[in-house]
Structures are given as structure tokens and as C-alpha cells.
Amino acid sequence: ARKKILKDKGAAPTELEEEVAKALFDIEVTPSSDIKADVRDICITGAQELETKSRNVVIVHFPYRVWKHVRKIHGRLVRELEKKFS
């Protein structure tokens, strides 16, 4: 799951970033997932958690070079990540 996080040299990933990377890796290795081939190319650069009035929100940052892949599967990826974090 650590390979799914791109950080500057020496920067350690936060606990939330580790969780998001693990969730992406889980989606990638799930045999029944229809987006597993697309998730293989995706990595993250960061993740933040925000508190809103009704619930907590996780904002995931992707590098620009993988944005084309993310945009293609965005809706399905959000649903899968919501299942993992709810």
C-alpha cells in the first residue's frame, strides 16, 4: 500500500494517507472490482479530513499525471472509497 503514496523525499505519510492508500490497494486486489485495472495506475500525494455539519469528509490529492485515470473512474472510485470509510 505504501507504493500508492508519492511524497517528497524524507516526508512521512500521515495515518489518513496510509488508510486511503490501503483502501486503493484493497480495491486493486479485489477480484470482483470492475475498476481494478484502472486503480493500478493511480497513486495519491496527500489526504485531508474535514469536519462538516453533518459528517466528516476526506479530500484526496492526486498527482496531475494520473488525473486522466482518476477522472475516468471518478464516480465508481468515490463509491468504493465511501464503502471503505463509512
Protein backbone atom coordinates (compact mmCIF):
# COMPACT_ATOMS: atom_id res chain seq x y z
CA ALA A 1 0.00 0.00 0.00
CA ARG A 2 3.00 2.32 0.58
CA LYS A 3 3.69 2.36 -3.18
CA LYS A 4 0.37 4.19 -3.65
CA ILE A 5 1.69 7.32 -1.87
CA LEU A 6 4.02 9.82 -3.58
CA LYS A 7 5.70 12.20 -1.13
CA ASP A 8 8.74 14.46 -1.20
CA LYS A 9 11.96 12.80 -0.08
CA GLY A 10 12.01 12.42 3.69
CA ALA A 11 8.32 13.30 4.15
CA ALA A 12 6.45 10.62 6.04
CA PRO A 13 2.84 9.87 5.12
CA THR A 14 0.13 10.60 7.67
CA GLU A 15 -2.10 7.91 9.13
CA LEU A 16 -5.02 9.06 6.96
CA GLU A 17 -2.89 8.86 3.81
CA GLU A 18 -1.88 5.33 4.77
CA GLU A 19 -5.56 4.38 5.19
CA VAL A 20 -6.50 5.83 1.79
CA ALA A 21 -3.57 4.06 0.12
CA LYS A 22 -4.60 0.79 1.76
CA ALA A 23 -8.18 1.27 0.53
CA LEU A 24 -6.92 1.88 -3.02
CA PHE A 25 -4.76 -1.23 -2.79
CA ASP A 26 -7.73 -3.26 -1.50
CA ILE A 27 -9.83 -2.11 -4.46
CA GLU A 28 -6.98 -3.07 -6.79
CA VAL A 29 -6.69 -6.64 -5.47
CA THR A 30 -10.42 -7.31 -5.12
CA PRO A 31 -11.32 -9.82 -7.86
CA SER A 32 -14.91 -8.58 -8.21
CA SER A 33 -13.95 -4.89 -8.65
CA ASP A 34 -14.72 -3.52 -12.11
CA ILE A 35 -12.21 -0.66 -11.75
CA LYS A 36 -9.24 -2.66 -10.50
CA ALA A 37 -7.27 -2.29 -13.76
CA ASP A 38 -7.66 1.50 -13.65
CA VAL A 39 -6.79 1.77 -9.95
CA ARG A 40 -3.46 0.02 -10.60
CA ASP A 41 -2.09 3.23 -12.20
CA ILE A 42 -3.38 5.59 -9.51
CA CYS A 43 -1.36 6.97 -6.59
CA ILE A 44 -2.00 9.83 -4.15
CA THR A 45 0.07 12.76 -2.94
CA GLY A 46 -1.97 13.58 0.15
CA ALA A 47 -5.22 13.31 2.06
CA GLN A 48 -7.05 15.65 4.44
CA GLU A 49 -10.04 15.19 6.68
CA LEU A 50 -12.57 17.98 7.09
CA GLU A 51 -15.46 18.14 9.52
CA THR A 52 -18.73 19.48 8.14
CA LYS A 53 -22.02 19.96 9.96
CA SER A 54 -23.38 16.56 9.02
CA ARG A 55 -20.29 14.35 8.57
CA ASN A 56 -16.54 14.08 8.08
CA VAL A 57 -15.15 14.47 4.57
CA VAL A 58 -11.88 13.05 3.22
CA ILE A 59 -10.17 15.08 0.49
CA VAL A 60 -7.70 13.04 -1.55
CA HIS A 61 -4.97 14.74 -3.61
CA PHE A 62 -3.78 13.06 -6.81
CA PRO A 63 -0.74 13.98 -8.93
CA TYR A 64 -1.56 15.69 -12.22
CA ARG A 65 -0.14 12.86 -14.33
CA VAL A 66 -2.73 10.35 -13.02
CA TRP A 67 -5.67 12.77 -13.11
CA LYS A 68 -6.80 11.43 -16.51
CA HIS A 69 -7.22 7.94 -15.00
CA VAL A 70 -8.95 9.31 -11.89
CA ARG A 71 -11.41 11.36 -13.91
CA LYS A 72 -12.37 8.33 -15.99
CA ILE A 73 -13.39 6.26 -12.92
CA HIS A 74 -14.21 9.11 -10.50
CA GLY A 75 -17.82 8.14 -9.71
CA ARG A 76 -17.09 4.47 -9.13
CA LEU A 77 -13.92 5.27 -7.15
CA VAL A 78 -15.83 7.62 -4.82
CA ARG A 79 -18.48 4.95 -4.20
CA GLU A 80 -15.83 2.32 -3.41
CA LEU A 81 -13.96 4.66 -1.04
CA GLU A 82 -17.21 5.65 0.68
CA LYS A 83 -17.89 1.96 1.36
CA LYS A 84 -14.39 1.56 2.86
CA PHE A 85 -14.57 4.64 5.10
CA SER A 86 -18.19 4.51 6.27
